[in-house]
């Protein structure tokens, strides 16, 4: 039971990280120091999608699930609602390229504006 909860927590952490990668630049507008966390997270998110890297949270989750005696994602709320968001059916390398580009399209204007504002102040 505890291992299953830990695996669910990893999935939730994974989703929160994805949301932070995608929209964290907007949080930086309010809290500029958050850029110290968001820039490396966004760079990792872009790299994972564009270079087709494997996120380390996925093997951790699978290891916890196997240790809990599970083989798949059937089960509770987290598996039913969150996993399809993180691991959508039909995810192709081309879609991953679009997702990586989306991270850039959402965040580059935010950071460009922040940089412009910083330069203007000086």
N, C-alpha and C. Protein backbone atom coordinates (compact mmCIF):
# COMPACT_ATOMS: atom_id res chain seq x y z
N UNK A 1 0.82 -1.20 0.00
CA UNK A 1 0.00 0.00 0.00
C UNK A 1 0.87 1.26 0.00
N UNK A 2 1.90 1.29 0.86
CA UNK A 2 2.77 2.45 0.96
C UNK A 2 3.55 2.67 -0.35
N UNK A 3 3.99 1.58 -0.97
CA UNK A 3 4.72 1.71 -2.23
C UNK A 3 3.82 2.24 -3.34
N UNK A 4 2.57 1.82 -3.34
CA UNK A 4 1.62 2.33 -4.34
C UNK A 4 1.38 3.82 -4.14
N UNK A 5 1.25 4.26 -2.91
CA UNK A 5 1.07 5.68 -2.61
C UNK A 5 2.32 6.45 -3.03
N UNK A 6 3.50 5.87 -2.80
CA UNK A 6 4.74 6.53 -3.22
C UNK A 6 4.79 6.66 -4.75
N UNK A 7 4.38 5.62 -5.47
CA UNK A 7 4.34 5.68 -6.93
C UNK A 7 3.35 6.74 -7.40
N UNK A 8 2.19 6.82 -6.75
CA UNK A 8 1.21 7.86 -7.08
C UNK A 8 1.79 9.25 -6.82
N UNK A 9 2.54 9.38 -5.73
CA UNK A 9 3.17 10.67 -5.42
C UNK A 9 4.18 11.06 -6.49
N UNK A 10 4.90 10.09 -7.02
CA UNK A 10 5.86 10.37 -8.10
C UNK A 10 5.12 10.86 -9.34
N UNK A 11 3.98 10.24 -9.66
CA UNK A 11 3.19 10.68 -10.81
C UNK A 11 2.70 12.12 -10.60
N UNK A 12 2.24 12.42 -9.40
CA UNK A 12 1.77 13.76 -9.10
C UNK A 12 2.92 14.77 -9.19
N UNK A 13 4.08 14.41 -8.66
CA UNK A 13 5.26 15.26 -8.76
C UNK A 13 5.63 15.49 -10.23
N UNK A 14 5.55 14.43 -11.02
CA UNK A 14 5.84 14.52 -12.44
C UNK A 14 4.90 15.52 -13.12
N UNK A 15 3.61 15.44 -12.83
CA UNK A 15 2.64 16.36 -13.41
C UNK A 15 2.93 17.79 -12.97
N UNK A 16 3.19 17.99 -11.70
CA UNK A 16 3.48 19.34 -11.20
C UNK A 16 4.74 19.91 -11.86
N UNK A 17 5.74 19.05 -12.07
CA UNK A 17 6.96 19.50 -12.74
C UNK A 17 6.65 19.92 -14.17
N UNK A 18 5.85 19.13 -14.87
CA UNK A 18 5.47 19.47 -16.25
C UNK A 18 4.74 20.80 -16.29
N UNK A 19 3.82 21.01 -15.37
CA UNK A 19 3.09 22.28 -15.32
C UNK A 19 4.03 23.44 -15.01
N UNK A 20 5.00 23.21 -14.12
CA UNK A 20 5.98 24.25 -13.78
C UNK A 20 6.85 24.57 -14.99
N UNK A 21 7.27 23.54 -15.72
CA UNK A 21 8.08 23.76 -16.92
C UNK A 21 7.31 24.60 -17.93
N UNK A 22 6.07 24.26 -18.13
CA UNK A 22 5.27 24.95 -19.13
C UNK A 22 4.89 26.37 -18.72
N UNK A 23 4.42 26.54 -17.50
CA UNK A 23 3.90 27.84 -17.10
C UNK A 23 4.68 28.58 -16.04
N UNK A 24 5.82 28.04 -15.64
CA UNK A 24 6.60 28.67 -14.58
C UNK A 24 7.08 30.06 -14.91
N UNK A 25 7.26 30.34 -16.20
CA UNK A 25 7.68 31.68 -16.59
C UNK A 25 6.68 32.74 -16.15
N UNK A 26 5.42 32.37 -16.14
CA UNK A 26 4.40 33.31 -15.68
C UNK A 26 4.52 33.57 -14.18
N UNK A 27 4.94 32.55 -13.43
CA UNK A 27 5.19 32.75 -12.00
C UNK A 27 6.40 33.65 -11.77
N UNK A 28 7.35 33.57 -12.68
CA UNK A 28 8.56 34.39 -12.58
C UNK A 28 8.21 35.87 -12.73
N UNK A 29 7.16 36.17 -13.47
CA UNK A 29 6.73 37.56 -13.58
C UNK A 29 6.39 38.13 -12.20
N UNK A 30 5.83 37.30 -11.35
CA UNK A 30 5.45 37.74 -10.00
C UNK A 30 6.61 37.62 -9.02
N UNK A 31 7.37 36.52 -9.13
CA UNK A 31 8.50 36.25 -8.25
C UNK A 31 9.76 36.01 -9.09
N UNK A 32 10.47 37.07 -9.47
CA UNK A 32 11.60 36.95 -10.39
C UNK A 32 12.69 35.97 -9.94
N UNK A 33 12.91 35.83 -8.67
CA UNK A 33 13.96 34.90 -8.21
C UNK A 33 13.62 33.44 -8.50
N UNK A 34 12.37 33.17 -8.77
CA UNK A 34 11.95 31.82 -9.13
C UNK A 34 12.59 31.38 -10.44
N UNK A 35 13.09 32.34 -11.20
CA UNK A 35 13.78 32.02 -12.46
C UNK A 35 14.97 31.11 -12.21
N UNK A 36 15.58 31.19 -11.03
CA UNK A 36 16.71 30.32 -10.71
C UNK A 36 16.31 28.84 -10.69
N UNK A 37 15.06 28.57 -10.42
CA UNK A 37 14.54 27.20 -10.48
C UNK A 37 13.90 26.90 -11.83
N UNK A 38 13.21 27.89 -12.37
CA UNK A 38 12.45 27.64 -13.60
C UNK A 38 13.34 27.48 -14.83
N UNK A 39 14.37 28.28 -14.97
CA UNK A 39 15.20 28.18 -16.17
C UNK A 39 15.82 26.79 -16.34
N UNK A 40 16.43 26.21 -15.30
CA UNK A 40 16.95 24.85 -15.48
C UNK A 40 15.83 23.82 -15.70
N UNK A 41 14.69 24.02 -15.04
CA UNK A 41 13.58 23.09 -15.23
C UNK A 41 13.06 23.17 -16.66
N UNK A 42 12.91 24.38 -17.19
CA UNK A 42 12.43 24.55 -18.56
C UNK A 42 13.45 23.99 -19.55
N UNK A 43 14.74 24.21 -19.29
CA UNK A 43 15.78 23.67 -20.17
C UNK A 43 15.72 22.15 -20.19
N UNK A 44 15.52 21.56 -19.02
CA UNK A 44 15.39 20.09 -18.95
C UNK A 44 14.15 19.63 -19.71
N UNK A 45 13.04 20.31 -19.52
CA UNK A 45 11.80 19.94 -20.20
C UNK A 45 11.94 20.01 -21.72
N UNK A 46 12.58 21.06 -22.20
CA UNK A 46 12.80 21.18 -23.63
C UNK A 46 13.73 20.07 -24.12
N UNK A 47 14.81 19.82 -23.38
CA UNK A 47 15.77 18.78 -23.77
C UNK A 47 15.11 17.40 -23.80
N UNK A 48 14.29 17.10 -22.81
CA UNK A 48 13.62 15.79 -22.77
C UNK A 48 12.75 15.61 -24.00
N UNK A 49 12.03 16.66 -24.38
CA UNK A 49 11.13 16.54 -25.53
C UNK A 49 11.88 16.56 -26.86
N UNK A 50 12.80 17.49 -27.02
CA UNK A 50 13.47 17.63 -28.30
C UNK A 50 14.50 16.53 -28.57
N UNK A 51 15.15 16.05 -27.51
CA UNK A 51 16.17 15.01 -27.67
C UNK A 51 15.65 13.62 -27.35
N UNK A 52 14.37 13.52 -27.02
CA UNK A 52 13.72 12.25 -26.70
C UNK A 52 14.44 11.53 -25.56
N UNK A 53 14.77 12.29 -24.53
CA UNK A 53 15.41 11.71 -23.35
C UNK A 53 14.35 11.06 -22.47
N UNK A 54 14.81 10.25 -21.55
CA UNK A 54 13.92 9.54 -20.64
C UNK A 54 13.97 10.23 -19.29
N UNK A 55 12.83 10.69 -18.82
CA UNK A 55 12.78 11.37 -17.52
C UNK A 55 13.04 10.37 -16.41
N UNK A 56 13.89 10.69 -15.44
CA UNK A 56 14.19 9.75 -14.36
C UNK A 56 13.01 9.46 -13.44
N UNK A 57 11.98 10.27 -13.48
CA UNK A 57 10.83 10.00 -12.64
C UNK A 57 10.05 8.78 -13.13
N UNK A 58 10.09 8.52 -14.42
CA UNK A 58 9.35 7.39 -14.98
C UNK A 58 9.88 6.06 -14.48
N UNK A 59 11.20 5.80 -14.57
CA UNK A 59 11.69 4.52 -14.02
C UNK A 59 11.48 4.40 -12.52
N UNK A 60 11.57 5.52 -11.80
CA UNK A 60 11.33 5.49 -10.36
C UNK A 60 9.90 5.05 -10.08
N UNK A 61 8.96 5.64 -10.80
CA UNK A 61 7.56 5.26 -10.61
C UNK A 61 7.34 3.78 -10.93
N UNK A 62 7.88 3.33 -12.06
CA UNK A 62 7.71 1.93 -12.46
C UNK A 62 8.34 0.98 -11.44
N UNK A 63 9.49 1.34 -10.92
CA UNK A 63 10.14 0.51 -9.90
C UNK A 63 9.27 0.41 -8.65
N UNK A 64 8.70 1.53 -8.24
CA UNK A 64 7.82 1.52 -7.06
C UNK A 64 6.57 0.67 -7.33
N UNK A 65 6.03 0.78 -8.52
CA UNK A 65 4.84 -0.01 -8.86
C UNK A 65 5.16 -1.51 -8.85
N UNK A 66 6.29 -1.88 -9.45
CA UNK A 66 6.67 -3.30 -9.44
C UNK A 66 6.90 -3.80 -8.02
N UNK A 67 7.53 -2.96 -7.20
CA UNK A 67 7.76 -3.34 -5.80
C UNK A 67 6.45 -3.48 -5.04
N UNK A 68 5.42 -2.75 -5.47
CA UNK A 68 4.10 -2.84 -4.84
C UNK A 68 3.28 -3.99 -5.41
N UNK A 69 3.86 -4.72 -6.38
CA UNK A 69 3.15 -5.85 -6.97
C UNK A 69 2.23 -5.47 -8.11
N UNK A 70 2.36 -4.26 -8.63
CA UNK A 70 1.53 -3.83 -9.74
C UNK A 70 2.29 -4.02 -11.05
N UNK A 71 1.56 -4.09 -12.13
CA UNK A 71 2.18 -4.23 -13.44
C UNK A 71 1.78 -3.10 -14.38
N UNK A 72 0.76 -2.37 -14.05
CA UNK A 72 0.29 -1.33 -14.96
C UNK A 72 -0.25 -0.14 -14.22
N UNK A 73 -1.06 0.62 -14.93
CA UNK A 73 -1.59 1.84 -14.36
C UNK A 73 -3.06 1.75 -14.00
N UNK A 74 -3.62 0.55 -13.98
CA UNK A 74 -5.02 0.41 -13.61
C UNK A 74 -5.17 0.70 -12.12
N UNK A 75 -6.25 1.32 -11.75
CA UNK A 75 -6.44 1.54 -10.33
C UNK A 75 -7.10 2.86 -10.01
N UNK A 76 -6.52 3.57 -9.06
CA UNK A 76 -7.13 4.73 -8.45
C UNK A 76 -7.17 6.00 -9.27
N UNK A 77 -7.50 7.07 -8.60
CA UNK A 77 -7.68 8.38 -9.19
C UNK A 77 -6.45 8.85 -9.94
N UNK A 78 -5.31 8.76 -9.31
CA UNK A 78 -4.08 9.26 -9.92
C UNK A 78 -3.82 8.55 -11.24
N UNK A 79 -3.91 7.23 -11.22
CA UNK A 79 -3.65 6.47 -12.46
C UNK A 79 -4.67 6.80 -13.54
N UNK A 80 -5.90 6.91 -13.13
CA UNK A 80 -6.96 7.10 -14.12
C UNK A 80 -6.95 8.50 -14.74
N UNK A 81 -6.69 9.54 -13.93
CA UNK A 81 -6.82 10.90 -14.42
C UNK A 81 -5.50 11.58 -14.77
N UNK A 82 -4.45 11.29 -14.04
CA UNK A 82 -3.20 12.02 -14.25
C UNK A 82 -2.27 11.35 -15.25
N UNK A 83 -2.21 10.04 -15.22
CA UNK A 83 -1.27 9.35 -16.11
C UNK A 83 -1.57 9.62 -17.58
N UNK A 84 -2.83 9.64 -18.02
CA UNK A 84 -3.06 9.98 -19.44
C UNK A 84 -2.58 11.38 -19.82
N UNK A 85 -2.51 12.29 -18.85
CA UNK A 85 -1.99 13.63 -19.14
C UNK A 85 -0.47 13.60 -19.32
N UNK A 86 0.19 12.78 -18.51
CA UNK A 86 1.66 12.71 -18.56
C UNK A 86 2.13 11.78 -19.66
N UNK A 87 1.45 10.67 -19.84
CA UNK A 87 1.81 9.69 -20.86
C UNK A 87 0.64 9.48 -21.82
N UNK A 88 0.34 10.47 -22.66
CA UNK A 88 -0.84 10.32 -23.53
C UNK A 88 -0.65 9.22 -24.56
N UNK A 89 -1.76 8.57 -24.91
CA UNK A 89 -1.73 7.55 -25.95
C UNK A 89 -1.38 8.22 -27.26
N UNK A 90 -0.58 7.56 -28.07
CA UNK A 90 -0.22 8.10 -29.37
C UNK A 90 0.86 9.16 -29.35
N UNK A 91 1.59 9.27 -28.24
CA UNK A 91 2.68 10.24 -28.16
C UNK A 91 3.79 9.81 -29.11
N UNK A 92 4.04 10.62 -30.11
CA UNK A 92 5.04 10.31 -31.12
C UNK A 92 6.22 11.27 -30.99
N UNK A 93 7.36 10.94 -31.61
CA UNK A 93 8.48 11.87 -31.59
C UNK A 93 8.13 13.24 -32.17
N UNK A 94 7.28 13.27 -33.19
CA UNK A 94 6.88 14.55 -33.77
C UNK A 94 6.06 15.37 -32.77
N UNK A 95 5.17 14.71 -32.05
CA UNK A 95 4.39 15.42 -31.03
C UNK A 95 5.31 15.93 -29.93
N UNK A 96 6.32 15.13 -29.57
CA UNK A 96 7.27 15.58 -28.56
C UNK A 96 8.01 16.83 -29.02
N UNK A 97 8.34 16.92 -30.30
CA UNK A 97 8.99 18.12 -30.82
C UNK A 97 8.06 19.33 -30.67
N UNK A 98 6.79 19.14 -30.96
CA UNK A 98 5.82 20.22 -30.80
C UNK A 98 5.69 20.63 -29.33
N UNK A 99 5.72 19.65 -28.43
CA UNK A 99 5.62 19.96 -27.01
C UNK A 99 6.83 20.76 -26.54
N UNK A 100 8.01 20.35 -26.99
CA UNK A 100 9.21 21.11 -26.65
C UNK A 100 9.14 22.53 -27.19
N UNK A 101 8.65 22.68 -28.42
CA UNK A 101 8.49 24.01 -29.00
C UNK A 101 7.46 24.83 -28.22
N UNK A 102 6.41 24.17 -27.74
CA UNK A 102 5.40 24.86 -26.95
C UNK A 102 6.00 25.45 -25.68
N UNK A 103 6.87 24.69 -25.02
CA UNK A 103 7.54 25.20 -23.82
C UNK A 103 8.32 26.47 -24.16
N UNK A 104 9.01 26.45 -25.29
CA UNK A 104 9.77 27.62 -25.71
C UNK A 104 8.86 28.80 -26.06
N UNK A 105 7.78 28.52 -26.79
CA UNK A 105 6.87 29.59 -27.23
C UNK A 105 6.20 30.25 -26.03
N UNK A 106 5.89 29.48 -25.00
CA UNK A 106 5.24 30.05 -23.82
C UNK A 106 6.23 30.85 -22.98
N UNK A 107 7.46 30.33 -22.83
CA UNK A 107 8.39 30.92 -21.88
C UNK A 107 9.35 31.96 -22.46
N UNK A 108 9.75 31.84 -23.72
CA UNK A 108 10.69 32.81 -24.28
C UNK A 108 10.15 34.24 -24.27
N UNK A 109 8.90 34.48 -24.63
CA UNK A 109 8.41 35.87 -24.54
C UNK A 109 8.43 36.41 -23.11
N UNK A 110 8.12 35.57 -22.15
CA UNK A 110 8.12 36.01 -20.75
C UNK A 110 9.52 36.43 -20.34
N UNK A 111 10.51 35.58 -20.63
CA UNK A 111 11.87 35.90 -20.25
C UNK A 111 12.44 37.04 -21.09
N UNK A 112 12.03 37.14 -22.34
CA UNK A 112 12.44 38.28 -23.16
C UNK A 112 11.94 39.58 -22.58
N UNK A 113 10.69 39.58 -22.16
CA UNK A 113 10.11 40.78 -21.54
C UNK A 113 10.82 41.11 -20.23
N UNK A 114 11.10 40.10 -19.41
CA UNK A 114 11.81 40.35 -18.15
C UNK A 114 13.20 40.91 -18.40
N UNK A 115 13.90 40.37 -19.39
CA UNK A 115 15.24 40.85 -19.73
C UNK A 115 15.18 42.28 -20.23
N UNK A 116 14.19 42.56 -21.10
CA UNK A 116 14.02 43.93 -21.59
C UNK A 116 13.75 44.89 -20.44
N UNK A 117 12.90 44.49 -19.52
CA UNK A 117 12.56 45.33 -18.37
C UNK A 117 13.79 45.57 -17.48
N UNK A 118 14.60 44.53 -17.29
CA UNK A 118 15.80 44.64 -16.48
C UNK A 118 16.81 45.58 -17.13
N UNK A 119 16.99 45.43 -18.44
CA UNK A 119 17.93 46.30 -19.17
C UNK A 119 17.45 47.76 -19.17
N UNK A 120 16.17 47.97 -19.25
CA UNK A 120 15.61 49.31 -19.26
C UNK A 120 15.81 50.02 -17.92
N UNK A 121 15.78 49.25 -16.84
CA UNK A 121 15.97 49.83 -15.51
C UNK A 121 17.41 50.32 -15.32
N UNK A 122 18.34 49.63 -15.96
CA UNK A 122 19.75 50.00 -15.80
C UNK A 122 20.03 51.14 -16.73
